[in-house]
Amino acid sequence: MEEMGKADTHVHTDYSGFNMLGPLRFPESVIDPEVQVDRARREGLSVLCITDHNEVAGGFIAQKYAKRFDDIDVIVGDEVMTDKGEVIGLWLTEKPKKFLSPEETCDIIHEQGGLCIAPHPFSVHVGGMQEKIFELPIEGFETINGGHPDPYSNMFAKRIMDLYPGRWAALSGSDAHSLYTAGYNWTEFPGRTEDDFRKAILHKQTVAKGVPAPVLGQVEWSMEVVWGGQKLMHKALRRKLEPVPDSALVEKILSNTDLKNATGIAMGFIYLFPLTSMLATLLSTAYLKSHAKKAMKNMDERIAKIQKLIAEVDARNGKAIAQASEEVRNDLEAGKIVLEQRL
């Protein structure tokens, strides 16, 4: 039986910067790239993709660190924000600009020799590209995203994948911003190395495995980043926080006034109070269920529209290929005529 490797295709580190929740800012992750590599090795992963938000620096750090081990390969990626949602680039050499169109972003990724993956494409609560993915030259999309415990997002993605077998690679990424949300899901592929994994994506031989992280894990992540942010702000107040190249998080904290950092520390303690965390769990669960329930009402109608859209895209692409072939034939004929004239 052929050996099957395990890859986590969507992982974040403390190079992912910060996020906004109303007037509040909080770190996306406070986990060092090296720690994510150590975690992946403990879980038996053979390939780890570091996909920080709009940044590749953490990926290069993890890749360099992983070279001391012979049981894991690290792929440098980037979860890039376009003007219509997020797309992941894998096997990158530099970070693409954010807020470009999805088409431009995919072109930039492919020009680097990278592959394009759509993360959480049908998410009900974060920046998935939704139906836009069917018009893009992506190699695959997530049918299991570890950060989506709602009953709709992953289920709908799998249903679309099942309707078009062999069209895209099915992927499962933890979207782990924390150790608490890692290890619940992964992508299986024939082989062990990153080269094997790349071939598996291109030949649509990947298998999405596992389940999303529980809501409690997401809350534990939120508490982790609040506490981690507090420590960084406290360090800044003591003038002990040094600049870190390419770290949007550290750059932001260093740009804050002392009053703002002190206020952030105080607000963090309010969130870390057990009753507040429990309330956050209840509210997040209710939010996800309500949005999933609303999305499920129109699911069959949405699938019908998607099938029509894909048929239109295929028709356009078929016409474009035919036109390109005609141009090639014309060029060849013109070249033959010129050659005959020269002879």
C-alpha atoms as a PDB file:
ATOM      1  CA  MET A   1       0.000   0.000   0.000  1.00  0.00           C
ATOM      2  CA  GLU A   2       1.312   3.451  -0.944  1.00  0.00           C
ATOM      3  CA  GLU A   3       2.400   5.636   1.959  1.00  0.00           C
ATOM      4  CA  MET A   4       0.072   8.552   2.672  1.00  0.00           C
ATOM      5  CA  GLY A   5       1.439  11.832   3.976  1.00  0.00           C
ATOM      6  CA  LYS A   6      -0.420  14.379   6.084  1.00  0.00           C
ATOM      7  CA  ALA A   7      -0.383  18.108   5.388  1.00  0.00           C
ATOM      8  CA  ASP A   8      -1.843  21.058   7.234  1.00  0.00           C
ATOM      9  CA  THR A   9      -2.468  23.521   4.436  1.00  0.00           C
ATOM     10  CA  HIS A  10      -3.512  26.592   6.426  1.00  0.00           C
ATOM     11  CA  VAL A  11      -1.612  27.644   9.554  1.00  0.00           C
ATOM     12  CA  HIS A  12      -0.934  31.040  11.157  1.00  0.00           C
ATOM     13  CA  THR A  13       1.826  32.425  13.362  1.00  0.00           C
ATOM     14  CA  ASP A  14       2.477  35.683  15.192  1.00  0.00           C
ATOM     15  CA  TYR A  15       3.386  37.215  11.817  1.00  0.00           C
ATOM     16  CA  SER A  16      -0.317  37.330  10.912  1.00  0.00           C
ATOM     17  CA  GLY A  17      -0.729  40.770  12.460  1.00  0.00           C
ATOM     18  CA  PHE A  18      -3.944  41.792  14.180  1.00  0.00           C
ATOM     19  CA  ASN A  19      -7.673  41.835  13.595  1.00  0.00           C
ATOM     20  CA  MET A  20     -10.543  44.175  14.371  1.00  0.00           C
ATOM     21  CA  LEU A  21     -13.738  43.432  16.303  1.00  0.00           C
ATOM     22  CA  GLY A  22     -15.635  46.694  16.343  1.00  0.00           C
ATOM     23  CA  PRO A  23     -13.370  49.189  18.115  1.00  0.00           C
ATOM     24  CA  LEU A  24     -11.161  46.409  19.518  1.00  0.00           C
ATOM     25  CA  ARG A  25      -7.892  45.236  18.004  1.00  0.00           C
ATOM     26  CA  PHE A  26      -6.401  41.877  18.908  1.00  0.00           C
ATOM     27  CA  PRO A  27      -3.537  39.703  17.613  1.00  0.00           C
ATOM     28  CA  GLU A  28      -4.400  37.054  15.043  1.00  0.00           C
ATOM     29  CA  SER A  29      -1.861  34.742  16.685  1.00  0.00           C
ATOM     30  CA  VAL A  30       0.882  34.846  19.303  1.00  0.00           C
ATOM     31  CA  ILE A  31       2.487  31.523  18.290  1.00  0.00           C
ATOM     32  CA  ASP A  32       6.080  31.553  17.023  1.00  0.00           C
ATOM     33  CA  PRO A  33       6.699  29.911  13.605  1.00  0.00           C
ATOM     34  CA  GLU A  34       9.106  27.432  15.213  1.00  0.00           C
ATOM     35  CA  VAL A  35       6.424  26.370  17.717  1.00  0.00           C
ATOM     36  CA  GLN A  36       4.034  25.578  14.870  1.00  0.00           C
ATOM     37  CA  VAL A  37       6.704  23.377  13.298  1.00  0.00           C
ATOM     38  CA  ASP A  38       7.276  21.516  16.579  1.00  0.00           C
ATOM     39  CA  ARG A  39       3.520  21.037  16.989  1.00  0.00           C
ATOM     40  CA  ALA A  40       3.158  19.699  13.442  1.00  0.00           C
ATOM     41  CA  ARG A  41       5.943  17.161  13.994  1.00  0.00           C
ATOM     42  CA  ARG A  42       4.331  15.925  17.229  1.00  0.00           C
ATOM     43  CA  GLU A  43       1.113  15.331  15.301  1.00  0.00           C
ATOM     44  CA  GLY A  44       2.883  13.333  12.599  1.00  0.00           C
ATOM     45  CA  LEU A  45       2.466  15.865   9.795  1.00  0.00           C
ATOM     46  CA  SER A  46       4.905  15.531   6.918  1.00  0.00           C
ATOM     47  CA  VAL A  47       4.053  18.894   5.304  1.00  0.00           C
ATOM     48  CA  LEU A  48       3.196  22.188   6.992  1.00  0.00           C
ATOM     49  CA  CYS A  49       1.987  25.267   5.108  1.00  0.00           C
ATOM     50  CA  ILE A  50       2.510  28.569   6.922  1.00  0.00           C
ATOM     51  CA  THR A  51      -0.099  30.968   5.542  1.00  0.00           C
ATOM     52  CA  ASP A  52       0.010  34.167   7.565  1.00  0.00           C
ATOM     53  CA  HIS A  53      -2.248  37.056   6.620  1.00  0.00           C
ATOM     54  CA  ASN A  54      -0.596  39.143   3.893  1.00  0.00           C
ATOM     55  CA  GLU A  55       2.882  38.093   4.987  1.00  0.00           C
ATOM     56  CA  VAL A  56       5.477  35.417   4.166  1.00  0.00           C
ATOM     57  CA  ALA A  57       8.166  36.232   6.755  1.00  0.00           C
ATOM     58  CA  GLY A  58       6.862  33.699   9.298  1.00  0.00           C
ATOM     59  CA  GLY A  59       6.828  31.045   6.611  1.00  0.00           C
ATOM     60  CA  PHE A  60      10.489  31.573   5.777  1.00  0.00           C
ATOM     61  CA  ILE A  61      11.405  31.421   9.476  1.00  0.00           C
ATOM     62  CA  ALA A  62       9.495  28.146   9.891  1.00  0.00           C
ATOM     63  CA  GLN A  63      11.024  26.740   6.699  1.00  0.00           C
ATOM     64  CA  LYS A  64      14.564  27.547   7.843  1.00  0.00           C
ATOM     65  CA  TYR A  65      13.902  26.021  11.270  1.00  0.00           C
ATOM     66  CA  ALA A  66      12.406  22.851   9.741  1.00  0.00           C
ATOM     67  CA  LYS A  67      15.549  22.156   7.690  1.00  0.00           C
ATOM     68  CA  ARG A  68      17.172  20.684  10.810  1.00  0.00           C
ATOM     69  CA  PHE A  69      14.599  17.855  10.738  1.00  0.00           C
ATOM     70  CA  ASP A  70      14.174  15.111   8.159  1.00  0.00           C
ATOM     71  CA  ASP A  71      10.509  14.305   8.873  1.00  0.00           C
ATOM     72  CA  ILE A  72       8.769  17.508   7.801  1.00  0.00           C
ATOM     73  CA  ASP A  73       8.752  20.008   4.926  1.00  0.00           C
ATOM     74  CA  VAL A  74       7.501  23.568   5.328  1.00  0.00           C
ATOM     75  CA  ILE A  75       5.839  25.388   2.437  1.00  0.00           C
ATOM     76  CA  VAL A  76       5.860  29.184   2.454  1.00  0.00           C
ATOM     77  CA  GLY A  77       2.381  30.536   1.829  1.00  0.00           C
ATOM     78  CA  ASP A  78       0.277  33.624   2.279  1.00  0.00           C
ATOM     79  CA  GLU A  79      -3.427  34.119   2.939  1.00  0.00           C
ATOM     80  CA  VAL A  80      -3.829  37.188   0.779  1.00  0.00           C
ATOM     81  CA  MET A  81      -6.733  39.593   1.126  1.00  0.00           C
ATOM     82  CA  THR A  82      -8.044  40.562  -2.302  1.00  0.00           C
ATOM     83  CA  ASP A  83     -10.772  43.092  -2.940  1.00  0.00           C
ATOM     84  CA  LYS A  84     -13.273  40.203  -2.998  1.00  0.00           C
ATOM     85  CA  GLY A  85     -12.144  37.884  -0.215  1.00  0.00           C
ATOM     86  CA  GLU A  86      -9.104  35.793   0.601  1.00  0.00           C
ATOM     87  CA  VAL A  87      -6.994  33.447  -1.492  1.00  0.00           C
ATOM     88  CA  ILE A  88      -4.051  31.326  -0.327  1.00  0.00           C
ATOM     89  CA  GLY A  89      -0.863  31.150  -2.331  1.00  0.00           C
ATOM     90  CA  LEU A  90       1.472  28.193  -1.667  1.00  0.00           C
ATOM     91  CA  TRP A  91       5.135  27.856  -2.714  1.00  0.00           C
ATOM     92  CA  LEU A  92       5.712  31.590  -2.685  1.00  0.00           C
ATOM     93  CA  THR A  93       8.995  33.472  -2.937  1.00  0.00           C
ATOM     94  CA  GLU A  94       7.593  36.863  -1.888  1.00  0.00           C
ATOM     95  CA  LYS A  95       4.311  38.243  -0.597  1.00  0.00           C
ATOM     96  CA  PRO A  96       1.752  39.487  -3.127  1.00  0.00           C
ATOM     97  CA  LYS A  97       0.195  42.899  -2.645  1.00  0.00           C
ATOM     98  CA  LYS A  98      -3.100  42.865  -0.797  1.00  0.00           C
ATOM     99  CA  PHE A  99      -6.418  44.334  -1.974  1.00  0.00           C
ATOM    100  CA  LEU A 100      -5.767  43.552  -5.641  1.00  0.00           C
ATOM    101  CA  SER A 101      -8.444  41.768  -7.651  1.00  0.00           C
ATOM    102  CA  PRO A 102      -8.611  37.972  -7.229  1.00  0.00           C
ATOM    103  CA  GLU A 103      -7.538  37.588 -10.855  1.00  0.00           C
ATOM    104  CA  GLU A 104      -4.447  39.758 -10.361  1.00  0.00           C
ATOM    105  CA  THR A 105      -3.577  37.959  -7.143  1.00  0.00           C
ATOM    106  CA  CYS A 106      -3.823  34.518  -8.761  1.00  0.00           C
ATOM    107  CA  ASP A 107      -1.640  35.719 -11.638  1.00  0.00           C
ATOM    108  CA  ILE A 108       1.024  36.951  -9.199  1.00  0.00           C
ATOM    109  CA  ILE A 109       0.957  33.652  -7.293  1.00  0.00           C
ATOM    110  CA  HIS A 110       1.270  31.600 -10.485  1.00  0.00           C
ATOM    111  CA  GLU A 111       4.070  33.819 -11.797  1.00  0.00           C
ATOM    112  CA  GLN A 112       6.067  32.854  -8.681  1.00  0.00           C
ATOM    113  CA  GLY A 113       5.501  29.182  -9.441  1.00  0.00           C
ATOM    114  CA  GLY A 114       2.931  28.948  -6.690  1.00  0.00           C
ATOM    115  CA  LEU A 115      -0.477  27.304  -6.492  1.00  0.00           C
ATOM    116  CA  CYS A 116      -3.772  29.032  -5.659  1.00  0.00           C
ATOM    117  CA  ILE A 117      -6.111  27.671  -2.995  1.00  0.00           C
ATOM    118  CA  ALA A 118      -9.454  29.132  -1.924  1.00  0.00           C
ATOM    119  CA  PRO A 119      -9.766  29.058   1.879  1.00  0.00           C
ATOM    120  CA  HIS A 120     -13.222  28.700   3.484  1.00  0.00           C
ATOM    121  CA  PRO A 121     -14.846  29.736   0.166  1.00  0.00           C
ATOM    122  CA  PHE A 122     -18.451  29.570   1.427  1.00  0.00           C
ATOM    123  CA  SER A 123     -17.891  30.907   4.929  1.00  0.00           C
ATOM    124  CA  VAL A 124     -20.799  32.556   6.705  1.00  0.00           C
ATOM    125  CA  HIS A 125     -18.554  34.682   8.904  1.00  0.00           C
ATOM    126  CA  VAL A 126     -15.154  35.436   7.300  1.00  0.00           C
ATOM    127  CA  GLY A 127     -13.804  36.560   3.925  1.00  0.00           C
ATOM    128  CA  GLY A 128     -14.407  33.632   1.593  1.00  0.00           C
ATOM    129  CA  MET A 129     -14.662  34.444  -2.114  1.00  0.00           C
ATOM    130  CA  GLN A 130     -17.965  32.588  -2.507  1.00  0.00           C
ATOM    131  CA  GLU A 131     -18.996  32.005  -6.164  1.00  0.00           C
ATOM    132  CA  LYS A 132     -16.034  34.061  -7.390  1.00  0.00           C
ATOM    133  CA  ILE A 133     -13.837  30.956  -7.095  1.00  0.00           C
ATOM    134  CA  PHE A 134     -15.504  29.390 -10.152  1.00  0.00           C
ATOM    135  CA  GLU A 135     -14.132  32.143 -12.385  1.00  0.00           C
ATOM    136  CA  LEU A 136     -10.559  31.852 -11.096  1.00  0.00           C
ATOM    137  CA  PRO A 137      -7.685  29.523 -12.084  1.00  0.00           C
ATOM    138  CA  ILE A 138      -7.436  27.975  -8.617  1.00  0.00           C
ATOM    139  CA  GLU A 139      -5.951  24.527  -8.073  1.00  0.00           C
ATOM    140  CA  GLY A 140      -8.149  23.593  -5.125  1.00  0.00           C
ATOM    141  CA  PHE A 141     -10.321  24.775  -2.259  1.00  0.00           C
ATOM    142  CA  GLU A 142     -10.954  23.838   1.340  1.00  0.00           C
ATOM    143  CA  THR A 143     -13.786  21.415   1.946  1.00  0.00           C
ATOM    144  CA  ILE A 144     -12.814  21.327   5.616  1.00  0.00           C
ATOM    145  CA  ASN A 145     -11.650  24.484   7.352  1.00  0.00           C
ATOM    146  CA  GLY A 146     -10.783  23.936  10.999  1.00  0.00           C
ATOM    147  CA  GLY A 147     -12.015  27.362  12.035  1.00  0.00           C
ATOM    148  CA  HIS A 148     -15.564  26.717  10.813  1.00  0.00           C
ATOM    149  CA  PRO A 149     -17.556  24.599  13.284  1.00  0.00           C
ATOM    150  CA  ASP A 150     -20.860  25.893  11.869  1.00  0.00           C
ATOM    151  CA  PRO A 151     -23.020  23.272  10.096  1.00  0.00           C
ATOM    152  CA  TYR A 152     -23.009  25.021   6.693  1.00  0.00           C
ATOM    153  CA  SER A 153     -19.650  26.326   5.403  1.00  0.00           C
ATOM    154  CA  ASN A 154     -17.692  23.069   5.092  1.00  0.00           C
ATOM    155  CA  MET A 155     -20.737  20.973   4.232  1.00  0.00           C
ATOM    156  CA  PHE A 156     -21.596  23.217   1.277  1.00  0.00           C
ATOM    157  CA  ALA A 157     -17.987  23.236   0.045  1.00  0.00           C
ATOM    158  CA  LYS A 158     -17.884  19.424   0.113  1.00  0.00           C
ATOM    159  CA  ARG A 159     -21.174  19.216  -1.737  1.00  0.00           C
ATOM    160  CA  ILE A 160     -19.843  21.382  -4.565  1.00  0.00           C
ATOM    161  CA  MET A 161     -16.611  19.378  -4.672  1.00  0.00           C
ATOM    162  CA  ASP A 162     -18.602  16.125  -4.898  1.00  0.00           C
ATOM    163  CA  LEU A 163     -20.632  17.498  -7.815  1.00  0.00           C
ATOM    164  CA  TYR A 164     -17.439  18.085  -9.830  1.00  0.00           C
ATOM    165  CA  PRO A 165     -15.001  15.263  -8.963  1.00  0.00           C
ATOM    166  CA  GLY A 166     -11.502  15.781 -10.310  1.00  0.00           C
ATOM    167  CA  ARG A 167     -12.017  19.448 -11.123  1.00  0.00           C
ATOM    168  CA  TRP A 168     -10.267  20.833  -8.026  1.00  0.00           C
ATOM    169  CA  ALA A 169      -8.106  19.400  -5.260  1.00  0.00           C
ATOM    170  CA  ALA A 170     -10.034  18.883  -2.018  1.00  0.00           C
ATOM    171  CA  LEU A 171      -8.095  20.337   0.902  1.00  0.00           C
ATOM    172  CA  SER A 172      -8.415  20.369   4.670  1.00  0.00           C
ATOM    173  CA  GLY A 173      -6.568  23.069   6.602  1.00  0.00           C
ATOM    174  CA  SER A 174      -6.728  23.751  10.316  1.00  0.00           C
ATOM    175  CA  ASP A 175      -6.648  27.547   9.898  1.00  0.00           C
ATOM    176  CA  ALA A 176      -4.957  27.280  13.281  1.00  0.00           C
ATOM    177  CA  HIS A 177      -4.064  30.566  14.902  1.00  0.00           C
ATOM    178  CA  SER A 178      -3.350  28.690  18.125  1.00  0.00           C
ATOM    179  CA  LEU A 179      -2.222  25.295  19.372  1.00  0.00           C
ATOM    180  CA  TYR A 180      -5.733  24.922  20.815  1.00  0.00           C
ATOM    181  CA  THR A 181      -7.273  24.830  17.327  1.00  0.00           C
ATOM    182  CA  ALA A 182      -4.671  22.639  15.599  1.00  0.00           C
ATOM    183  CA  GLY A 183      -4.651  18.915  14.956  1.00  0.00           C
ATOM    184  CA  TYR A 184      -8.336  18.314  14.341  1.00  0.00           C
ATOM    185  CA  ASN A 185      -8.118  18.144  10.543  1.00  0.00           C
ATOM    186  CA  TRP A 186      -5.547  17.621   7.780  1.00  0.00           C
ATOM    187  CA  THR A 187      -5.066  16.746   4.093  1.00  0.00           C
ATOM    188  CA  GLU A 188      -3.864  13.276   3.101  1.00  0.00           C
ATOM    189  CA  PHE A 189      -1.837  12.704  -0.071  1.00  0.00           C
ATOM    190  CA  PRO A 190       0.252   9.954  -1.702  1.00  0.00           C
ATOM    191  CA  GLY A 191       3.883  10.278  -0.594  1.00  0.00           C
ATOM    192  CA  ARG A 192       5.605  12.266   2.142  1.00  0.00           C
ATOM    193  CA  THR A 193       7.416  15.298   0.728  1.00  0.00           C
ATOM    194  CA  GLU A 194       6.301  18.729  -0.412  1.00  0.00           C
ATOM    195  CA  ASP A 195       7.026  17.654  -4.006  1.00  0.00           C
ATOM    196  CA  ASP A 196       4.672  14.713  -3.530  1.00  0.00           C
ATOM    197  CA  PHE A 197       2.087  17.069  -2.094  1.00  0.00           C
ATOM    198  CA  ARG A 198       2.370  19.479  -5.000  1.00  0.00           C
ATOM    199  CA  LYS A 199       1.878  16.626  -7.468  1.00  0.00           C
ATOM    200  CA  ALA A 200      -1.118  15.417  -5.483  1.00  0.00           C
ATOM    201  CA  ILE A 201      -2.758  18.852  -5.684  1.00  0.00           C
ATOM    202  CA  LEU A 202      -2.124  19.132  -9.410  1.00  0.00           C
ATOM    203  CA  HIS A 203      -3.399  15.596 -10.055  1.00  0.00           C
ATOM    204  CA  LYS A 204      -6.376  16.044  -7.662  1.00  0.00           C
ATOM    205  CA  GLN A 205      -5.253  13.147  -5.461  1.00  0.00           C
ATOM    206  CA  THR A 206      -5.671  14.893  -2.098  1.00  0.00           C
ATOM    207  CA  VAL A 207      -8.182  13.754   0.522  1.00  0.00           C
ATOM    208  CA  ALA A 208      -9.697  16.113   3.104  1.00  0.00           C
ATOM    209  CA  LYS A 209      -9.716  14.517   6.560  1.00  0.00           C
ATOM    210  CA  GLY A 210     -10.819  15.366  10.080  1.00  0.00           C
ATOM    211  CA  VAL A 211     -13.306  17.750  11.634  1.00  0.00           C
ATOM    212  CA  PRO A 212     -13.268  21.457  12.552  1.00  0.00           C
ATOM    213  CA  ALA A 213     -11.923  22.545  15.924  1.00  0.00           C
ATOM    214  CA  PRO A 214     -14.657  22.906  18.570  1.00  0.00           C
ATOM    215  CA  VAL A 215     -16.005  26.330  19.472  1.00  0.00           C
ATOM    216  CA  LEU A 216     -14.330  26.016  22.866  1.00  0.00           C
ATOM    217  CA  GLY A 217     -10.970  25.786  21.100  1.00  0.00           C
ATOM    218  CA  GLN A 218     -11.713  29.042  19.279  1.00  0.00           C
ATOM    219  CA  VAL A 219     -12.510  30.724  22.597  1.00  0.00           C
ATOM    220  CA  GLU A 220      -9.296  29.363  24.114  1.00  0.00           C
ATOM    221  CA  TRP A 221      -7.472  30.873  21.118  1.00  0.00           C
ATOM    222  CA  SER A 222      -9.135  34.245  21.770  1.00  0.00           C
ATOM    223  CA  MET A 223      -8.032  34.137  25.404  1.00  0.00           C
ATOM    224  CA  GLU A 224      -4.522  33.170  24.330  1.00  0.00           C
ATOM    225  CA  VAL A 225      -4.158  36.117  21.946  1.00  0.00           C
ATOM    226  CA  VAL A 226      -5.613  38.560  24.484  1.00  0.00           C
ATOM    227  CA  TRP A 227      -3.115  37.409  27.114  1.00  0.00           C
ATOM    228  CA  GLY A 228      -0.287  37.404  24.581  1.00  0.00           C
ATOM    229  CA  GLY A 229      -1.218  40.910  23.445  1.00  0.00           C
ATOM    230  CA  GLN A 230      -1.265  42.102  27.044  1.00  0.00           C
ATOM    231  CA  LYS A 231       2.266  40.797  27.594  1.00  0.00           C
ATOM    232  CA  LEU A 232       3.507  42.602  24.486  1.00  0.00           C
ATOM    233  CA  MET A 233       1.820  45.856  25.515  1.00  0.00           C
ATOM    234  CA  HIS A 234       3.248  45.553  29.023  1.00  0.00           C
ATOM    235  CA  LYS A 235       6.680  45.025  27.499  1.00  0.00           C
ATOM    236  CA  ALA A 236       6.184  48.133  25.368  1.00  0.00           C
ATOM    237  CA  LEU A 237       5.227  50.188  28.439  1.00  0.00           C
ATOM    238  CA  ARG A 238       8.474  49.083  30.092  1.00  0.00           C
ATOM    239  CA  ARG A 239      10.395  50.024  26.900  1.00  0.00           C
ATOM    240  CA  LYS A 240      11.494  46.400  26.567  1.00  0.00           C
ATOM    241  CA  LEU A 241       9.729  45.608  23.283  1.00  0.00           C
ATOM    242  CA  GLU A 242      12.128  45.678  20.346  1.00  0.00           C
ATOM    243  CA  PRO A 243      11.036  46.092  16.688  1.00  0.00           C
ATOM    244  CA  VAL A 244      10.698  42.842  14.738  1.00  0.00           C
ATOM    245  CA  PRO A 245      11.141  42.968  10.939  1.00  0.00           C
ATOM    246  CA  ASP A 246       7.894  42.313   9.035  1.00  0.00           C
ATOM    247  CA  SER A 247       5.858  41.934  12.246  1.00  0.00           C
ATOM    248  CA  ALA A 248       2.705  44.039  11.818  1.00  0.00           C
ATOM    249  CA  LEU A 249       1.671  43.128  15.361  1.00  0.00           C
ATOM    250  CA  VAL A 250       4.810  44.414  17.079  1.00  0.00           C
ATOM    251  CA  GLU A 251       4.854  47.467  14.800  1.00  0.00           C
ATOM    252  CA  LYS A 252       1.276  48.310  15.802  1.00  0.00           C
ATOM    253  CA  ILE A 253       1.919  47.965  19.545  1.00  0.00           C
ATOM    254  CA  LEU A 254       5.069  50.099  19.323  1.00  0.00           C
ATOM    255  CA  SER A 255       3.060  52.789  17.506  1.00  0.00           C
ATOM    256  CA  ASN A 256       0.451  52.940  20.295  1.00  0.00           C
ATOM    257  CA  THR A 257       0.593  55.611  22.970  1.00  0.00           C
ATOM    258  CA  ASP A 258       1.287  54.457  26.523  1.00  0.00           C
ATOM    259  CA  LEU A 259      -2.319  55.298  27.405  1.00  0.00           C
ATOM    260  CA  LYS A 260      -3.625  53.112  24.588  1.00  0.00           C
ATOM    261  CA  ASN A 261      -1.466  50.173  25.607  1.00  0.00           C
ATOM    262  CA  ALA A 262      -2.457  50.567  29.260  1.00  0.00           C
ATOM    263  CA  THR A 263      -6.133  50.674  28.267  1.00  0.00           C
ATOM    264  CA  GLY A 264      -5.661  47.568  26.134  1.00  0.00           C
ATOM    265  CA  ILE A 265      -4.180  45.699  29.094  1.00  0.00           C
ATOM    266  CA  ALA A 266      -7.105  46.703  31.315  1.00  0.00           C
ATOM    267  CA  MET A 267      -9.703  45.718  28.700  1.00  0.00           C
ATOM    268  CA  GLY A 268      -7.934  42.393  28.246  1.00  0.00           C
ATOM    269  CA  PHE A 269      -8.448  41.483  31.893  1.00  0.00           C
ATOM    270  CA  ILE A 270     -12.166  42.114  31.494  1.00  0.00           C
ATOM    271  CA  TYR A 271     -12.295  39.644  28.599  1.00  0.00           C
ATOM    272  CA  LEU A 272     -10.243  37.044  30.474  1.00  0.00           C
ATOM    273  CA  PHE A 273     -12.750  37.029  33.345  1.00  0.00           C
ATOM    274  CA  PRO A 274     -14.419  33.549  33.219  1.00  0.00           C
ATOM    275  CA  LEU A 275     -17.996  34.836  32.893  1.00  0.00           C
ATOM    276  CA  THR A 276     -17.001  37.042  29.956  1.00  0.00           C
ATOM    277  CA  SER A 277     -15.328  34.106  28.203  1.00  0.00           C
ATOM    278  CA  MET A 278     -18.371  31.920  28.809  1.00  0.00           C
ATOM    279  CA  LEU A 279     -20.635  34.617  27.365  1.00  0.00           C
ATOM    280  CA  ALA A 280     -18.339  34.876  24.325  1.00  0.00           C
ATOM    281  CA  THR A 281     -18.725  31.119  23.766  1.00  0.00           C
ATOM    282  CA  LEU A 282     -22.515  31.289  23.909  1.00  0.00           C
ATOM    283  CA  LEU A 283     -22.716  34.325  21.639  1.00  0.00           C
ATOM    284  CA  SER A 284     -20.316  32.919  19.035  1.00  0.00           C
ATOM    285  CA  THR A 285     -22.195  29.605  18.923  1.00  0.00           C
ATOM    286  CA  ALA A 286     -25.538  31.358  18.507  1.00  0.00           C
ATOM    287  CA  TYR A 287     -24.084  33.616  15.802  1.00  0.00           C
ATOM    288  CA  LEU A 288     -22.732  30.703  13.770  1.00  0.00           C
ATOM    289  CA  LYS A 289     -25.939  28.684  14.053  1.00  0.00           C
ATOM    290  CA  SER A 290     -28.174  31.576  13.011  1.00  0.00           C
ATOM    291  CA  HIS A 291     -26.083  32.414   9.937  1.00  0.00           C
ATOM    292  CA  ALA A 292     -25.813  28.745   8.951  1.00  0.00           C
ATOM    293  CA  LYS A 293     -29.575  28.277   9.301  1.00  0.00           C
ATOM    294  CA  LYS A 294     -30.206  31.277   7.073  1.00  0.00           C
ATOM    295  CA  ALA A 295     -27.773  30.012   4.429  1.00  0.00           C
ATOM    296  CA  MET A 296     -29.299  26.522   4.386  1.00  0.00           C
ATOM    297  CA  LYS A 297     -32.730  27.834   3.375  1.00  0.00           C
ATOM    298  CA  ASN A 298     -31.551  28.690  -0.143  1.00  0.00           C
ATOM    299  CA  MET A 299     -28.987  25.900  -0.563  1.00  0.00           C
ATOM    300  CA  ASP A 300     -30.602  24.025  -3.476  1.00  0.00           C
ATOM    301  CA  GLU A 301     -31.306  27.261  -5.317  1.00  0.00           C
ATOM    302  CA  ARG A 302     -27.719  28.354  -4.793  1.00  0.00           C
ATOM    303  CA  ILE A 303     -26.368  25.071  -6.132  1.00  0.00           C
ATOM    304  CA  ALA A 304     -28.506  25.417  -9.263  1.00  0.00           C
ATOM    305  CA  LYS A 305     -27.114  28.913  -9.849  1.00  0.00           C
ATOM    306  CA  ILE A 306     -23.561  27.641  -9.310  1.00  0.00           C
ATOM    307  CA  GLN A 307     -24.055  24.853 -11.846  1.00  0.00           C
ATOM    308  CA  LYS A 308     -25.303  27.388 -14.370  1.00  0.00           C
ATOM    309  CA  LEU A 309     -22.342  29.672 -13.634  1.00  0.00           C
ATOM    310  CA  ILE A 310     -19.823  26.857 -14.064  1.00  0.00           C
ATOM    311  CA  ALA A 311     -21.431  25.860 -17.374  1.00  0.00           C
ATOM    312  CA  GLU A 312     -21.107  29.464 -18.583  1.00  0.00           C
ATOM    313  CA  VAL A 313     -17.476  29.619 -17.463  1.00  0.00           C
ATOM    314  CA  ASP A 314     -16.712  26.343 -19.231  1.00  0.00           C
ATOM    315  CA  ALA A 315     -18.373  27.597 -22.400  1.00  0.00           C
ATOM    316  CA  ARG A 316     -16.305  30.810 -22.319  1.00  0.00           C
ATOM    317  CA  ASN A 317     -13.107  28.904 -21.630  1.00  0.00           C
ATOM    318  CA  GLY A 318     -13.841  26.445 -24.410  1.00  0.00           C
ATOM    319  CA  LYS A 319     -14.366  29.308 -26.827  1.00  0.00           C
ATOM    320  CA  ALA A 320     -11.140  30.978 -25.658  1.00  0.00           C
ATOM    321  CA  ILE A 321      -9.194  27.743 -26.123  1.00  0.00           C
ATOM    322  CA  ALA A 322     -10.648  27.306 -29.613  1.00  0.00           C
ATOM    323  CA  GLN A 323      -9.726  30.901 -30.514  1.00  0.00           C
ATOM    324  CA  ALA A 324      -6.208  30.407 -29.150  1.00  0.00           C
ATOM    325  CA  SER A 325      -5.832  27.213 -31.170  1.00  0.00           C
ATOM    326  CA  GLU A 326      -6.999  29.030 -34.302  1.00  0.00           C
ATOM    327  CA  GLU A 327      -4.449  31.787 -33.680  1.00  0.00           C
ATOM    328  CA  VAL A 328      -1.697  29.194 -33.245  1.00  0.00           C
ATOM    329  CA  ARG A 329      -2.707  27.506 -36.494  1.00  0.00           C
ATOM    330  CA  ASN A 330      -2.709  30.871 -38.287  1.00  0.00           C
ATOM    331  CA  ASP A 331       0.711  31.731 -36.882  1.00  0.00           C
ATOM    332  CA  LEU A 332       2.076  28.361 -37.949  1.00  0.00           C
ATOM    333  CA  GLU A 333       0.644  28.782 -41.436  1.00  0.00           C
ATOM    334  CA  ALA A 334       2.072  32.311 -41.687  1.00  0.00           C
ATOM    335  CA  GLY A 335       5.438  31.003 -40.535  1.00  0.00           C
ATOM    336  CA  LYS A 336       5.327  28.243 -43.114  1.00  0.00           C
ATOM    337  CA  ILE A 337       4.616  30.789 -45.857  1.00  0.00           C
ATOM    338  CA  VAL A 338       7.524  32.984 -44.746  1.00  0.00           C
ATOM    339  CA  LEU A 339       9.822  29.963 -44.615  1.00  0.00           C
ATOM    340  CA  GLU A 340       8.821  28.918 -48.134  1.00  0.00           C
ATOM    341  CA  GLN A 341       9.464  32.455 -49.421  1.00  0.00           C
ATOM    342  CA  ARG A 342      12.937  32.408 -47.852  1.00  0.00           C
ATOM    343  CA  LEU A 343      13.708  29.075 -49.495  1.00  0.00           C
END
